[in-house]
Protein backbone atom coordinates (compact mmCIF):
# COMPACT_ATOMS: atom_id res chain seq x y z
CA UNK A 1 10.43 9.03 -12.62
CA UNK A 2 6.84 10.09 -11.90
CA UNK A 3 5.71 6.48 -11.48
CA UNK A 4 8.59 5.85 -9.11
CA UNK A 5 7.55 8.77 -6.92
CA UNK A 6 3.90 7.63 -6.85
CA UNK A 7 5.03 4.12 -5.87
CA UNK A 8 7.21 5.53 -3.08
CA UNK A 9 4.36 7.69 -1.81
CA UNK A 10 2.04 4.69 -1.91
CA UNK A 11 4.62 2.61 -0.04
CA UNK A 12 4.71 5.18 2.75
CA UNK A 13 0.90 5.13 2.98
CA UNK A 14 0.86 1.32 3.04
CA UNK A 15 3.49 1.18 5.75
CA UNK A 16 1.50 3.62 7.86
CA UNK A 17 -1.67 1.60 7.32
CA UNK A 18 0.13 -1.58 8.36
CA UNK A 19 1.27 0.09 11.57
CA UNK A 20 -2.28 1.26 12.36
CA UNK A 21 -3.94 -2.10 11.59
CA UNK A 22 -1.30 -4.07 13.50
CA UNK A 23 -1.55 -1.75 16.49
CA UNK A 24 -5.34 -1.91 16.55
CA UNK A 25 -5.26 -5.70 16.29
CA UNK A 26 -2.70 -5.96 19.10
CA UNK A 27 -4.86 -3.77 21.35
CA UNK A 28 -8.02 -5.69 20.45
CA UNK A 29 -6.76 -9.30 20.59
CA UNK A 30 -3.48 -9.20 22.55
CA UNK A 31 -0.07 -10.61 21.72
CA UNK A 32 -0.66 -14.35 22.27
CA UNK A 33 -0.72 -14.90 18.49
CA UNK A 34 0.46 -12.90 15.46
CA UNK A 35 -3.03 -11.52 14.85
CA UNK A 36 -1.72 -8.24 13.44
CA UNK A 37 0.39 -9.92 10.80
CA UNK A 38 -2.40 -12.33 9.96
CA UNK A 39 -4.92 -9.47 9.62
CA UNK A 40 -2.58 -7.44 7.42
CA UNK A 41 -1.83 -10.42 5.18
CA UNK A 42 -5.49 -11.38 4.73
CA UNK A 43 -6.67 -7.79 4.18
CA UNK A 44 -3.77 -7.13 1.82
CA UNK A 45 -4.45 -10.26 -0.22
CA UNK A 46 -8.11 -9.30 -0.62
CA UNK A 47 -7.40 -5.67 -1.54
CA UNK A 48 -4.63 -6.58 -4.01
CA UNK A 49 -6.96 -8.99 -5.82
CA UNK A 50 -9.62 -6.26 -6.04
CA UNK A 51 -7.13 -3.72 -7.40
CA UNK A 52 -5.60 -6.14 -9.89
CA UNK A 53 -9.00 -7.21 -11.18
CA UNK A 54 -10.08 -3.60 -11.67
CA UNK A 55 -6.74 -2.70 -13.23
CA UNK A 56 -6.21 -5.68 -15.51
CA UNK A 57 -9.70 -6.98 -16.28
CA UNK A 58 -11.74 -3.77 -16.57
CA UNK A 59 -9.06 -1.23 -17.46
CA UNK A 60 -10.79 1.22 -15.10
CA UNK A 61 -7.55 1.83 -13.22
CA UNK A 62 -4.80 3.63 -15.18
CA UNK A 63 -1.40 1.88 -15.14
CA UNK A 64 0.31 4.49 -12.95
CA UNK A 65 -2.51 4.42 -10.41
CA UNK A 66 -2.46 0.60 -10.43
CA UNK A 67 1.28 0.57 -9.75
CA UNK A 68 0.99 3.19 -7.01
CA UNK A 69 -1.79 1.23 -5.31
CA UNK A 70 -0.46 -2.31 -5.81
CA UNK A 71 3.34 -2.07 -5.75
CA UNK A 72 3.27 1.04 -3.56
CA UNK A 73 0.42 0.92 -1.05
CA UNK A 74 -0.05 -2.84 -0.95
CA UNK A 75 3.70 -3.46 -1.13
CA UNK A 76 4.14 -1.26 1.93
CA UNK A 77 1.16 -2.84 3.63
CA UNK A 78 2.18 -6.46 2.96
CA UNK A 79 4.17 -8.34 0.34
CA UNK A 80 2.20 -11.45 1.22
CA UNK A 81 -0.59 -10.08 -0.95
CA UNK A 82 1.65 -10.36 -4.02
CA UNK A 83 2.54 -13.93 -3.11
CA UNK A 84 -1.17 -14.76 -2.75
CA UNK A 85 -2.08 -13.10 -6.04
CA UNK A 86 0.67 -14.87 -7.98
CA UNK A 87 -0.32 -18.23 -6.49
CA UNK A 88 -3.99 -17.58 -7.31
CA UNK A 89 -3.07 -16.80 -10.93
CA UNK A 90 -1.18 -20.11 -11.20
CA UNK A 91 -4.28 -21.90 -9.91
CA UNK A 92 -6.56 -20.03 -12.33
CA UNK A 93 -4.28 -21.05 -15.19
CA UNK A 94 -4.38 -24.68 -14.08
CA UNK A 95 -0.69 -24.63 -13.15
CA UNK A 96 -1.21 -26.61 -9.95
CA UNK A 97 2.41 -27.72 -9.70
CA UNK A 98 3.68 -24.14 -9.97
CA UNK A 99 1.17 -23.03 -7.33
CA UNK A 100 2.23 -25.81 -4.97
CA UNK A 101 5.90 -25.09 -5.60
CA UNK A 102 5.36 -21.38 -4.99
CA UNK A 103 3.63 -22.03 -1.66
CA UNK A 104 6.09 -24.68 -0.50
CA UNK A 105 9.28 -22.92 -1.57
CA UNK A 106 8.09 -19.56 -0.25
CA UNK A 107 7.02 -20.82 3.16
CA UNK A 108 9.93 -23.22 3.70
CA UNK A 109 12.49 -20.95 2.01
CA UNK A 110 11.49 -17.85 3.95
CA UNK A 111 11.43 -19.71 7.24
CA UNK A 112 14.85 -21.23 6.46
CA UNK A 113 16.22 -17.79 5.50
CA UNK A 114 14.87 -16.35 8.75
CA UNK A 115 16.48 -19.13 10.78
CA UNK A 116 19.76 -18.73 8.89
CA UNK A 117 19.76 -14.95 9.31
CA UNK A 118 19.18 -15.36 13.03
CA UNK A 119 21.92 -17.98 13.39
CA UNK A 120 24.50 -16.04 11.35
CA UNK A 121 23.82 -12.81 13.19
CA UNK A 122 23.87 -14.54 16.55
CA UNK A 123 27.24 -16.13 15.76
CA UNK A 124 28.71 -12.82 14.57
CA UNK A 125 27.45 -10.84 17.54
CA UNK A 126 27.91 -13.71 20.02
CA UNK A 127 25.38 -12.82 22.68
C-alpha cells in the first residue's frame, strides 16, 4: 500500500509538472504546433531513461523510489516516455522487429483509437 501511495503522489507531481511545462511552452512558442506535448514527451523520455539507468544498472535508486519517480512522476508527466524506453530496450537487445512493431502499432493504433473515439462520441451526441 505504501508503494501505491508514493506512486499516486508522484503522479500528481508529474501532472503538475506537465501543466507547467506545457503552459510555459505555449506562452513561449504559441499554439501553431503541439510544442508543449512535444517538449513534455522529449523531456520525459530523457528523464525516464536516466531514472531507469540509475535504478536498474547502478542500484543507486531503491525500488520504491524508482517506482514513485518512473511510474508516478514520469507516468503523470508523460506515458510517451515509457513507450520510448520500451522501444529503446528492444533496440538494445537487437529485437529490431519488435521495436518496429511497437512504434508502428502504437502510433497507428493510438491514432486509429483517437479517430474511432471521436467518431463514436460524435455519433452518440450528434452535434
